[in-house]
Amino acid sequence: MNIAILASGRGSNFEAIVRAVKRKKLKGAKVKLLITDRKDAYVRIRAKKLGVKDIFVDPKKFKTREGFDREVVNILNREGIELVILAGFMRILTPYFVKKFKNRILNIHPALLPAFKGTDAIERAYNYGVKVTGVTIHFVDEKVDYGPIIMQKALEIKERESLEELEERIHRLEHKMYPEAISLFIKGKLKIRGRHVKII
């Protein structure tokens, strides 16, 4: 299965997925492409080191969000992409994009949805004083951090734990969970029933 990963930042989840493929933990998967919307994103350096094709699409060249998405969709179709993985991609996908890859876009969120949707979720949960946070992996639909949930894992915030320590533990959990969810998708084990995802 040809996979494209969309990312905007450091790309630690990108690297975790690529390494899982290289270690044969994602049988049948090929990370064919990285697409980023930021020319200086560190994830592009990771892609080069790992031998993954990297395409930068400049948002400034498009008058609308849909114009950008249409270009990305054209690239994905040209490359024969079957599954789209969002890994810290800091753009909200338009309905056009979501429709073209319906139920074939996965996202990871560093909180237990529906709590703390949007950006800076780890910091906002930490500052709010919650006792438990975690990681959510879900299908992407037209709403932000809303699509049907594939898996969630909770993480207790330790007494006197710093934000940086919590972030590190969240990221370690993400790196373990994302390849697991992708593997379930590739094996055809995820069935969507309304807002519920059944693992068969």
N, C-alpha and C. Protein backbone atom coordinates (compact mmCIF):
# COMPACT_ATOMS: atom_id res chain seq x y z
N MET A 1 0.84 -1.20 0.00
CA MET A 1 0.00 0.00 0.00
C MET A 1 0.88 1.24 0.00
N ASN A 2 0.67 2.12 -0.96
CA ASN A 2 1.45 3.35 -1.07
C ASN A 2 0.92 4.40 -0.10
N ILE A 3 1.81 4.89 0.76
CA ILE A 3 1.45 5.86 1.79
C ILE A 3 2.15 7.18 1.52
N ALA A 4 1.40 8.28 1.73
CA ALA A 4 2.00 9.61 1.74
C ALA A 4 1.82 10.18 3.15
N ILE A 5 2.86 10.83 3.64
CA ILE A 5 2.79 11.48 4.95
C ILE A 5 2.86 12.98 4.73
N LEU A 6 1.93 13.70 5.36
CA LEU A 6 1.90 15.16 5.29
C LEU A 6 2.34 15.70 6.65
N ALA A 7 3.34 16.56 6.65
CA ALA A 7 3.89 17.08 7.90
C ALA A 7 4.37 18.50 7.71
N SER A 8 4.42 19.24 8.83
CA SER A 8 4.83 20.64 8.78
C SER A 8 6.00 20.97 9.69
N GLY A 9 6.35 20.05 10.59
CA GLY A 9 7.30 20.41 11.64
C GLY A 9 8.53 19.51 11.72
N ARG A 10 8.79 19.04 12.94
CA ARG A 10 10.02 18.27 13.18
C ARG A 10 9.97 16.86 12.59
N GLY A 11 8.79 16.26 12.60
CA GLY A 11 8.64 14.98 11.90
C GLY A 11 9.04 13.75 12.67
N SER A 12 8.90 13.75 14.00
CA SER A 12 9.28 12.55 14.75
C SER A 12 8.32 11.39 14.45
N ASN A 13 7.03 11.69 14.26
CA ASN A 13 6.09 10.62 13.89
C ASN A 13 6.37 10.12 12.48
N PHE A 14 6.73 11.02 11.59
CA PHE A 14 7.14 10.62 10.24
C PHE A 14 8.27 9.59 10.32
N GLU A 15 9.29 9.91 11.10
CA GLU A 15 10.44 9.00 11.21
C GLU A 15 10.04 7.68 11.85
N ALA A 16 9.19 7.72 12.88
CA ALA A 16 8.75 6.49 13.54
C ALA A 16 8.04 5.57 12.56
N ILE A 17 7.21 6.15 11.69
CA ILE A 17 6.47 5.34 10.71
C ILE A 17 7.42 4.75 9.67
N VAL A 18 8.32 5.59 9.15
CA VAL A 18 9.26 5.10 8.14
C VAL A 18 10.14 3.99 8.71
N ARG A 19 10.59 4.16 9.93
CA ARG A 19 11.44 3.13 10.55
C ARG A 19 10.65 1.85 10.82
N ALA A 20 9.37 1.97 11.16
CA ALA A 20 8.53 0.78 11.34
C ALA A 20 8.41 0.01 10.03
N VAL A 21 8.29 0.74 8.91
CA VAL A 21 8.23 0.09 7.60
C VAL A 21 9.55 -0.61 7.30
N LYS A 22 10.66 0.07 7.56
CA LYS A 22 11.98 -0.50 7.29
C LYS A 22 12.25 -1.74 8.15
N ARG A 23 11.68 -1.78 9.35
CA ARG A 23 11.87 -2.94 10.24
C ARG A 23 10.83 -4.03 9.98
N LYS A 24 10.06 -3.89 8.90
CA LYS A 24 9.05 -4.87 8.49
C LYS A 24 7.91 -5.00 9.50
N LYS A 25 7.68 -3.95 10.29
CA LYS A 25 6.56 -3.97 11.23
C LYS A 25 5.26 -3.53 10.56
N LEU A 26 5.38 -2.98 9.37
CA LEU A 26 4.21 -2.57 8.59
C LEU A 26 4.25 -3.30 7.25
N LYS A 27 3.95 -4.57 7.28
CA LYS A 27 4.02 -5.38 6.07
C LYS A 27 3.04 -4.89 5.02
N GLY A 28 3.54 -4.78 3.82
CA GLY A 28 2.70 -4.32 2.71
C GLY A 28 2.65 -2.82 2.56
N ALA A 29 3.38 -2.10 3.42
CA ALA A 29 3.34 -0.64 3.37
C ALA A 29 4.61 -0.08 2.72
N LYS A 30 4.41 0.98 1.97
CA LYS A 30 5.55 1.72 1.40
C LYS A 30 5.30 3.21 1.59
N VAL A 31 6.20 3.87 2.34
CA VAL A 31 6.10 5.32 2.47
C VAL A 31 6.72 5.91 1.21
N LYS A 32 5.87 6.30 0.29
CA LYS A 32 6.32 6.72 -1.02
C LYS A 32 6.68 8.20 -1.07
N LEU A 33 6.11 8.98 -0.14
CA LEU A 33 6.19 10.41 -0.33
C LEU A 33 5.97 11.17 0.97
N LEU A 34 6.74 12.25 1.13
CA LEU A 34 6.46 13.26 2.15
C LEU A 34 6.03 14.53 1.43
N ILE A 35 4.94 15.13 1.90
CA ILE A 35 4.54 16.45 1.40
C ILE A 35 4.54 17.40 2.59
N THR A 36 5.16 18.55 2.40
CA THR A 36 5.18 19.55 3.46
C THR A 36 4.81 20.92 2.90
N ASP A 37 4.25 21.75 3.78
CA ASP A 37 3.86 23.10 3.39
C ASP A 37 4.85 24.14 3.90
N ARG A 38 5.96 23.67 4.48
CA ARG A 38 6.98 24.59 5.00
C ARG A 38 8.35 24.21 4.45
N LYS A 39 8.94 25.16 3.76
CA LYS A 39 10.21 24.90 3.08
C LYS A 39 11.32 24.52 4.06
N ASP A 40 11.31 25.13 5.26
CA ASP A 40 12.39 24.90 6.23
C ASP A 40 12.03 23.87 7.30
N ALA A 41 10.97 23.07 7.08
CA ALA A 41 10.55 22.08 8.08
C ALA A 41 11.64 21.03 8.27
N TYR A 42 11.94 20.72 9.52
CA TYR A 42 13.00 19.75 9.82
C TYR A 42 12.66 18.35 9.30
N VAL A 43 11.38 18.06 9.15
CA VAL A 43 10.98 16.76 8.63
C VAL A 43 11.59 16.49 7.26
N ARG A 44 11.89 17.53 6.51
CA ARG A 44 12.49 17.34 5.18
C ARG A 44 13.91 16.78 5.29
N ILE A 45 14.61 17.17 6.34
CA ILE A 45 15.95 16.62 6.59
C ILE A 45 15.84 15.14 6.94
N ARG A 46 14.85 14.81 7.76
CA ARG A 46 14.63 13.40 8.11
C ARG A 46 14.32 12.59 6.84
N ALA A 47 13.49 13.14 5.97
CA ALA A 47 13.12 12.43 4.74
C ALA A 47 14.35 12.14 3.88
N LYS A 48 15.22 13.12 3.78
CA LYS A 48 16.43 12.94 2.98
C LYS A 48 17.31 11.83 3.57
N LYS A 49 17.47 11.84 4.90
CA LYS A 49 18.29 10.82 5.56
C LYS A 49 17.69 9.42 5.40
N LEU A 50 16.37 9.35 5.37
CA LEU A 50 15.68 8.06 5.31
C LEU A 50 15.36 7.62 3.88
N GLY A 51 15.71 8.46 2.91
CA GLY A 51 15.52 8.09 1.51
C GLY A 51 14.08 8.15 1.04
N VAL A 52 13.31 9.08 1.59
CA VAL A 52 11.90 9.23 1.19
C VAL A 52 11.77 10.48 0.31
N LYS A 53 11.08 10.34 -0.80
CA LYS A 53 10.84 11.46 -1.71
C LYS A 53 10.11 12.58 -0.97
N ASP A 54 10.57 13.80 -1.18
CA ASP A 54 10.07 14.95 -0.42
C ASP A 54 9.61 16.03 -1.39
N ILE A 55 8.36 16.46 -1.24
CA ILE A 55 7.83 17.53 -2.09
C ILE A 55 7.33 18.67 -1.21
N PHE A 56 7.83 19.86 -1.49
CA PHE A 56 7.36 21.07 -0.82
C PHE A 56 6.34 21.75 -1.71
N VAL A 57 5.15 21.99 -1.16
CA VAL A 57 4.11 22.71 -1.88
C VAL A 57 3.92 24.05 -1.18
N ASP A 58 4.21 25.12 -1.88
CA ASP A 58 4.20 26.46 -1.29
C ASP A 58 2.77 27.02 -1.23
N PRO A 59 2.22 27.20 -0.02
CA PRO A 59 0.86 27.72 0.09
C PRO A 59 0.69 29.12 -0.50
N LYS A 60 1.78 29.88 -0.55
CA LYS A 60 1.71 31.26 -1.04
C LYS A 60 1.37 31.32 -2.53
N LYS A 61 1.52 30.22 -3.23
CA LYS A 61 1.24 30.21 -4.67
C LYS A 61 -0.26 30.02 -4.99
N PHE A 62 -1.05 29.85 -3.94
CA PHE A 62 -2.47 29.56 -4.16
C PHE A 62 -3.34 30.61 -3.48
N LYS A 63 -4.40 31.00 -4.16
CA LYS A 63 -5.29 32.05 -3.64
C LYS A 63 -6.21 31.52 -2.54
N THR A 64 -6.49 30.22 -2.58
CA THR A 64 -7.42 29.64 -1.62
C THR A 64 -6.83 28.36 -1.02
N ARG A 65 -7.41 27.94 0.11
CA ARG A 65 -7.01 26.68 0.72
C ARG A 65 -7.32 25.51 -0.20
N GLU A 66 -8.47 25.61 -0.89
CA GLU A 66 -8.83 24.51 -1.80
C GLU A 66 -7.86 24.42 -2.97
N GLY A 67 -7.37 25.57 -3.43
CA GLY A 67 -6.38 25.55 -4.50
C GLY A 67 -5.14 24.77 -4.10
N PHE A 68 -4.68 25.00 -2.88
CA PHE A 68 -3.54 24.25 -2.35
C PHE A 68 -3.87 22.76 -2.29
N ASP A 69 -5.05 22.45 -1.75
CA ASP A 69 -5.44 21.05 -1.59
C ASP A 69 -5.58 20.34 -2.94
N ARG A 70 -6.08 21.04 -3.93
CA ARG A 70 -6.21 20.44 -5.26
C ARG A 70 -4.84 20.04 -5.81
N GLU A 71 -3.85 20.89 -5.58
CA GLU A 71 -2.49 20.57 -6.03
C GLU A 71 -1.95 19.35 -5.30
N VAL A 72 -2.17 19.28 -3.98
CA VAL A 72 -1.71 18.13 -3.20
C VAL A 72 -2.41 16.85 -3.67
N VAL A 73 -3.71 16.92 -3.87
CA VAL A 73 -4.47 15.75 -4.34
C VAL A 73 -3.96 15.30 -5.71
N ASN A 74 -3.64 16.24 -6.59
CA ASN A 74 -3.07 15.88 -7.89
C ASN A 74 -1.77 15.10 -7.74
N ILE A 75 -0.92 15.57 -6.82
CA ILE A 75 0.35 14.87 -6.55
C ILE A 75 0.09 13.47 -6.01
N LEU A 76 -0.82 13.36 -5.06
CA LEU A 76 -1.13 12.06 -4.46
C LEU A 76 -1.65 11.08 -5.51
N ASN A 77 -2.53 11.55 -6.37
CA ASN A 77 -3.07 10.69 -7.42
C ASN A 77 -1.98 10.27 -8.41
N ARG A 78 -1.13 11.21 -8.75
CA ARG A 78 -0.04 10.92 -9.69
C ARG A 78 0.91 9.86 -9.13
N GLU A 79 1.10 9.88 -7.81
CA GLU A 79 2.02 8.94 -7.15
C GLU A 79 1.34 7.63 -6.74
N GLY A 80 0.05 7.51 -7.04
CA GLY A 80 -0.67 6.28 -6.70
C GLY A 80 -0.85 6.05 -5.21
N ILE A 81 -1.06 7.13 -4.48
CA ILE A 81 -1.19 7.04 -3.02
C ILE A 81 -2.55 6.48 -2.63
N GLU A 82 -2.52 5.51 -1.70
CA GLU A 82 -3.75 4.86 -1.24
C GLU A 82 -4.14 5.26 0.18
N LEU A 83 -3.17 5.73 0.96
CA LEU A 83 -3.43 6.12 2.34
C LEU A 83 -2.65 7.38 2.65
N VAL A 84 -3.35 8.36 3.27
CA VAL A 84 -2.72 9.63 3.64
C VAL A 84 -2.60 9.69 5.16
N ILE A 85 -1.40 9.98 5.64
CA ILE A 85 -1.13 10.07 7.07
C ILE A 85 -0.76 11.51 7.41
N LEU A 86 -1.49 12.11 8.34
CA LEU A 86 -1.13 13.44 8.82
C LEU A 86 -0.26 13.29 10.06
N ALA A 87 0.90 13.93 10.03
CA ALA A 87 1.84 13.82 11.15
C ALA A 87 2.34 15.22 11.49
N GLY A 88 1.51 15.95 12.24
CA GLY A 88 1.88 17.32 12.55
C GLY A 88 1.74 18.24 11.35
N PHE A 89 0.71 17.98 10.54
CA PHE A 89 0.45 18.83 9.37
C PHE A 89 -0.45 19.97 9.84
N MET A 90 0.03 21.20 9.74
CA MET A 90 -0.61 22.33 10.40
C MET A 90 -1.61 23.08 9.51
N ARG A 91 -2.22 22.35 8.60
CA ARG A 91 -3.26 22.94 7.77
C ARG A 91 -4.54 22.13 7.93
N ILE A 92 -5.67 22.80 7.94
CA ILE A 92 -6.96 22.12 7.99
C ILE A 92 -7.35 21.72 6.57
N LEU A 93 -7.61 20.45 6.37
CA LEU A 93 -7.96 19.97 5.04
C LEU A 93 -9.35 20.46 4.65
N THR A 94 -9.49 20.83 3.37
CA THR A 94 -10.79 21.28 2.87
C THR A 94 -11.69 20.07 2.59
N PRO A 95 -13.01 20.30 2.51
CA PRO A 95 -13.93 19.21 2.15
C PRO A 95 -13.55 18.53 0.83
N TYR A 96 -12.98 19.30 -0.10
CA TYR A 96 -12.54 18.72 -1.38
C TYR A 96 -11.54 17.60 -1.15
N PHE A 97 -10.52 17.86 -0.34
CA PHE A 97 -9.47 16.88 -0.05
C PHE A 97 -10.07 15.67 0.66
N VAL A 98 -10.87 15.94 1.70
CA VAL A 98 -11.45 14.86 2.50
C VAL A 98 -12.31 13.94 1.64
N LYS A 99 -13.08 14.53 0.72
CA LYS A 99 -13.95 13.74 -0.15
C LYS A 99 -13.13 12.85 -1.08
N LYS A 100 -12.04 13.39 -1.61
CA LYS A 100 -11.22 12.63 -2.55
C LYS A 100 -10.54 11.42 -1.89
N PHE A 101 -10.27 11.51 -0.60
CA PHE A 101 -9.63 10.41 0.13
C PHE A 101 -10.48 9.99 1.33
N LYS A 102 -11.77 9.90 1.10
CA LYS A 102 -12.72 9.57 2.17
C LYS A 102 -12.34 8.27 2.88
N ASN A 103 -12.26 8.35 4.20
CA ASN A 103 -11.90 7.19 5.04
C ASN A 103 -10.52 6.62 4.72
N ARG A 104 -9.68 7.45 4.11
CA ARG A 104 -8.30 7.03 3.82
C ARG A 104 -7.29 8.07 4.29
N ILE A 105 -7.71 8.87 5.28
CA ILE A 105 -6.82 9.87 5.89
C ILE A 105 -6.83 9.64 7.40
N LEU A 106 -5.64 9.44 7.96
CA LEU A 106 -5.51 9.26 9.41
C LEU A 106 -4.79 10.45 10.02
N ASN A 107 -5.17 10.77 11.25
CA ASN A 107 -4.50 11.84 12.00
C ASN A 107 -4.23 11.37 13.42
N ILE A 108 -3.19 11.94 14.02
CA ILE A 108 -2.87 11.66 15.41
C ILE A 108 -2.97 12.96 16.19
N HIS A 109 -3.51 12.86 17.42
CA HIS A 109 -3.71 14.05 18.25
C HIS A 109 -3.21 13.77 19.66
N PRO A 110 -2.39 14.68 20.22
CA PRO A 110 -1.77 14.42 21.52
C PRO A 110 -2.65 14.79 22.71
N ALA A 111 -3.89 14.29 22.70
CA ALA A 111 -4.83 14.45 23.81
C ALA A 111 -5.94 13.43 23.60
N LEU A 112 -6.79 13.29 24.61
CA LEU A 112 -7.91 12.37 24.51
C LEU A 112 -9.12 13.12 23.96
N LEU A 113 -9.29 13.06 22.66
CA LEU A 113 -10.44 13.73 22.04
C LEU A 113 -11.74 13.18 22.62
N PRO A 114 -12.77 14.03 22.77
CA PRO A 114 -12.90 15.39 22.20
C PRO A 114 -12.28 16.49 23.06
N ALA A 115 -11.54 16.17 24.09
CA ALA A 115 -10.90 17.22 24.90
C ALA A 115 -9.69 17.80 24.17
N PHE A 116 -9.48 19.10 24.34
CA PHE A 116 -8.28 19.80 23.86
C PHE A 116 -8.03 19.61 22.37
N LYS A 117 -9.06 19.91 21.58
CA LYS A 117 -8.90 19.90 20.13
C LYS A 117 -7.98 21.04 19.71
N GLY A 118 -7.41 20.92 18.51
CA GLY A 118 -6.60 22.02 17.96
C GLY A 118 -5.14 21.96 18.39
N THR A 119 -4.48 23.10 18.25
CA THR A 119 -3.03 23.16 18.47
C THR A 119 -2.68 23.25 19.95
N ASP A 120 -1.40 22.94 20.25
CA ASP A 120 -0.85 23.05 21.60
C ASP A 120 -1.64 22.24 22.62
N ALA A 121 -2.12 21.08 22.22
CA ALA A 121 -2.99 20.28 23.08
C ALA A 121 -2.29 19.80 24.35
N ILE A 122 -1.03 19.40 24.23
CA ILE A 122 -0.31 18.90 25.41
C ILE A 122 -0.18 20.00 26.44
N GLU A 123 0.25 21.16 26.01
CA GLU A 123 0.45 22.30 26.92
C GLU A 123 -0.87 22.75 27.54
N ARG A 124 -1.93 22.78 26.74
CA ARG A 124 -3.22 23.22 27.27
C ARG A 124 -3.77 22.23 28.30
N ALA A 125 -3.60 20.94 28.05
CA ALA A 125 -4.05 19.93 29.01
C ALA A 125 -3.24 20.03 30.31
N TYR A 126 -1.94 20.21 30.15
CA TYR A 126 -1.04 20.32 31.31
C TYR A 126 -1.40 21.54 32.15
N ASN A 127 -1.59 22.67 31.50
CA ASN A 127 -1.90 23.91 32.22
C ASN A 127 -3.30 23.89 32.84
N TYR A 128 -4.19 23.13 32.23
CA TYR A 128 -5.55 23.00 32.77
C TYR A 128 -5.56 22.23 34.09
N GLY A 129 -4.54 21.38 34.24
CA GLY A 129 -4.43 20.62 35.47
C GLY A 129 -5.10 19.26 35.43
N VAL A 130 -5.33 18.72 34.23
CA VAL A 130 -5.95 17.39 34.15
C VAL A 130 -5.01 16.35 34.75
N LYS A 131 -5.58 15.29 35.27
CA LYS A 131 -4.80 14.21 35.87
C LYS A 131 -4.42 13.15 34.83
N VAL A 132 -5.24 13.09 33.77
CA VAL A 132 -5.04 12.08 32.72
C VAL A 132 -5.14 12.76 31.36
N THR A 133 -4.19 12.47 30.50
CA THR A 133 -4.26 12.91 29.11
C THR A 133 -3.94 11.69 28.26
N GLY A 134 -3.46 11.88 27.04
CA GLY A 134 -3.15 10.71 26.23
C GLY A 134 -3.03 11.03 24.76
N VAL A 135 -3.30 10.02 23.94
CA VAL A 135 -3.13 10.13 22.49
C VAL A 135 -4.36 9.54 21.81
N THR A 136 -4.80 10.20 20.75
CA THR A 136 -5.93 9.73 19.93
C THR A 136 -5.50 9.61 18.48
N ILE A 137 -5.90 8.52 17.84
CA ILE A 137 -5.72 8.37 16.39
C ILE A 137 -7.11 8.23 15.78
N HIS A 138 -7.37 9.01 14.75
CA HIS A 138 -8.73 9.03 14.20
C HIS A 138 -8.71 9.22 12.68
N PHE A 139 -9.82 8.84 12.07
CA PHE A 139 -10.02 9.17 10.67
C PHE A 139 -10.31 10.67 10.57
N VAL A 140 -9.96 11.26 9.44
CA VAL A 140 -10.16 12.70 9.24
C VAL A 140 -11.46 12.92 8.46
N ASP A 141 -12.28 13.84 8.98
CA ASP A 141 -13.44 14.29 8.22
C ASP A 141 -13.37 15.81 8.06
N GLU A 142 -14.49 16.44 7.74
CA GLU A 142 -14.47 17.87 7.42
C GLU A 142 -14.27 18.76 8.64
N LYS A 143 -14.47 18.23 9.84
CA LYS A 143 -14.31 19.04 11.05
C LYS A 143 -12.95 18.78 11.70
N VAL A 144 -12.48 19.78 12.45
CA VAL A 144 -11.15 19.68 13.07
C VAL A 144 -11.17 18.69 14.24
N ASP A 145 -10.26 17.70 14.19
CA ASP A 145 -10.10 16.73 15.28
C ASP A 145 -11.43 16.11 15.69
N TYR A 146 -12.20 15.68 14.69
CA TYR A 146 -13.56 15.24 14.96
C TYR A 146 -13.86 13.83 14.43
N GLY A 147 -13.16 13.38 13.41
CA GLY A 147 -13.51 12.13 12.73
C GLY A 147 -13.52 10.92 13.65
N PRO A 148 -14.12 9.81 13.19
CA PRO A 148 -14.24 8.60 14.00
C PRO A 148 -12.91 8.13 14.59
N ILE A 149 -12.96 7.80 15.88
CA ILE A 149 -11.74 7.45 16.62
C ILE A 149 -11.37 5.99 16.40
N ILE A 150 -10.12 5.76 16.02
CA ILE A 150 -9.59 4.41 15.80
C ILE A 150 -9.08 3.83 17.11
N MET A 151 -8.25 4.59 17.80
CA MET A 151 -7.72 4.13 19.09
C MET A 151 -7.32 5.30 19.96
N GLN A 152 -7.41 5.07 21.26
CA GLN A 152 -6.97 6.05 22.26
C GLN A 152 -6.23 5.31 23.36
N LYS A 153 -5.21 5.97 23.90
CA LYS A 153 -4.52 5.44 25.07
C LYS A 153 -4.30 6.58 26.05
N ALA A 154 -4.59 6.28 27.30
CA ALA A 154 -4.49 7.30 28.35
C ALA A 154 -3.12 7.29 29.00
N LEU A 155 -2.75 8.45 29.51
CA LEU A 155 -1.46 8.63 30.18
C LEU A 155 -1.70 9.47 31.42
N GLU A 156 -1.37 8.94 32.58
CA GLU A 156 -1.50 9.73 33.80
C GLU A 156 -0.37 10.74 33.90
N ILE A 157 -0.74 11.96 34.26
CA ILE A 157 0.29 12.99 34.46
C ILE A 157 0.86 12.82 35.87
N LYS A 158 2.16 12.65 35.94
CA LYS A 158 2.81 12.35 37.21
C LYS A 158 2.91 13.60 38.09
N GLU A 159 2.95 13.36 39.37
CA GLU A 159 3.15 14.45 40.33
C GLU A 159 4.49 15.13 40.04
N ARG A 160 4.47 16.45 39.97
CA ARG A 160 5.67 17.27 39.74
C ARG A 160 6.33 17.02 38.37
N GLU A 161 5.61 16.39 37.46
CA GLU A 161 6.15 16.19 36.11
C GLU A 161 6.16 17.52 35.36
N SER A 162 7.27 17.80 34.66
CA SER A 162 7.35 19.04 33.89
C SER A 162 6.61 18.86 32.56
N LEU A 163 6.29 19.97 31.92
CA LEU A 163 5.65 19.93 30.61
C LEU A 163 6.53 19.19 29.61
N GLU A 164 7.84 19.45 29.68
CA GLU A 164 8.78 18.82 28.74
C GLU A 164 8.80 17.30 28.94
N GLU A 165 8.74 16.85 30.18
CA GLU A 165 8.73 15.41 30.46
C GLU A 165 7.44 14.77 29.95
N LEU A 166 6.33 15.48 30.14
CA LEU A 166 5.05 14.96 29.63
C LEU A 166 5.07 14.88 28.11
N GLU A 167 5.58 15.92 27.47
CA GLU A 167 5.66 15.92 26.00
C GLU A 167 6.47 14.73 25.50
N GLU A 168 7.57 14.45 26.18
CA GLU A 168 8.42 13.32 25.78
C GLU A 168 7.66 12.00 25.89
N ARG A 169 6.91 11.83 26.97
CA ARG A 169 6.15 10.58 27.14
C ARG A 169 5.02 10.47 26.12
N ILE A 170 4.37 11.60 25.83
CA ILE A 170 3.31 11.61 24.81
C ILE A 170 3.88 11.20 23.46
N HIS A 171 5.03 11.77 23.11
CA HIS A 171 5.63 11.46 21.81
C HIS A 171 6.04 9.99 21.72
N ARG A 172 6.56 9.44 22.79
CA ARG A 172 6.93 8.01 22.78
C ARG A 172 5.69 7.14 22.54
N LEU A 173 4.59 7.52 23.18
CA LEU A 173 3.34 6.78 23.00
C LEU A 173 2.84 6.92 21.56
N GLU A 174 2.92 8.12 21.01
CA GLU A 174 2.52 8.35 19.61
C GLU A 174 3.31 7.45 18.67
N HIS A 175 4.62 7.38 18.87
CA HIS A 175 5.49 6.62 17.98
C HIS A 175 5.18 5.13 18.00
N LYS A 176 4.63 4.67 19.12
CA LYS A 176 4.23 3.27 19.24
C LYS A 176 2.85 3.04 18.61
N MET A 177 1.92 3.96 18.88
CA MET A 177 0.54 3.77 18.45
C MET A 177 0.31 3.96 16.96
N TYR A 178 0.97 4.95 16.37
CA TYR A 178 0.66 5.27 14.97
C TYR A 178 0.94 4.10 14.03
N PRO A 179 2.12 3.46 14.13
CA PRO A 179 2.34 2.29 13.27
C PRO A 179 1.31 1.18 13.52
N GLU A 180 0.86 1.02 14.77
CA GLU A 180 -0.15 0.00 15.08
C GLU A 180 -1.45 0.30 14.33
N ALA A 181 -1.88 1.55 14.36
CA ALA A 181 -3.13 1.94 13.69
C ALA A 181 -3.01 1.79 12.18
N ILE A 182 -1.87 2.18 11.63
CA ILE A 182 -1.64 2.06 10.18
C ILE A 182 -1.68 0.60 9.77
N SER A 183 -1.08 -0.26 10.58
CA SER A 183 -1.07 -1.69 10.30
C SER A 183 -2.49 -2.25 10.25
N LEU A 184 -3.33 -1.82 11.20
CA LEU A 184 -4.73 -2.26 11.20
C LEU A 184 -5.46 -1.83 9.93
N PHE A 185 -5.18 -0.61 9.48
CA PHE A 185 -5.80 -0.11 8.25
C PHE A 185 -5.36 -0.96 7.05
N ILE A 186 -4.07 -1.19 6.95
CA ILE A 186 -3.52 -1.94 5.81
C ILE A 186 -4.10 -3.36 5.76
N LYS A 187 -4.29 -3.96 6.92
CA LYS A 187 -4.83 -5.33 7.00
C LYS A 187 -6.35 -5.38 6.81
N GLY A 188 -6.98 -4.20 6.63
CA GLY A 188 -8.42 -4.17 6.43
C GLY A 188 -9.21 -4.49 7.69
N LYS A 189 -8.63 -4.19 8.84
CA LYS A 189 -9.27 -4.54 10.11
C LYS A 189 -10.09 -3.40 10.73
N LEU A 190 -10.18 -2.27 10.04
CA LEU A 190 -10.95 -1.14 10.58
C LEU A 190 -12.24 -0.96 9.81
N LYS A 191 -13.36 -1.05 10.52
CA LYS A 191 -14.67 -0.87 9.90
C LYS A 191 -15.38 0.29 10.58
N ILE A 192 -15.79 1.28 9.78
CA ILE A 192 -16.46 2.47 10.32
C ILE A 192 -17.97 2.25 10.32
N ARG A 193 -18.58 2.47 11.48
CA ARG A 193 -20.03 2.41 11.63
C ARG A 193 -20.47 3.72 12.28
N GLY A 194 -20.88 4.70 11.49
CA GLY A 194 -21.22 6.00 12.03
C GLY A 194 -19.99 6.65 12.65
N ARG A 195 -20.07 6.94 13.96
CA ARG A 195 -18.92 7.53 14.65
C ARG A 195 -18.03 6.47 15.29
N HIS A 196 -18.37 5.23 15.11
CA HIS A 196 -17.63 4.15 15.78
C HIS A 196 -16.74 3.40 14.78
N VAL A 197 -15.54 3.09 15.23
CA VAL A 197 -14.62 2.28 14.43
C VAL A 197 -14.46 0.93 15.12
N LYS A 198 -14.84 -0.11 14.41
CA LYS A 198 -14.71 -1.47 14.96
C LYS A 198 -13.43 -2.09 14.44
N ILE A 199 -12.66 -2.68 15.34
CA ILE A 199 -11.45 -3.43 14.95
C ILE A 199 -11.84 -4.88 14.85
N ILE A 200 -11.76 -5.44 13.65
CA ILE A 200 -12.23 -6.80 13.43
C ILE A 200 -11.06 -7.81 13.39
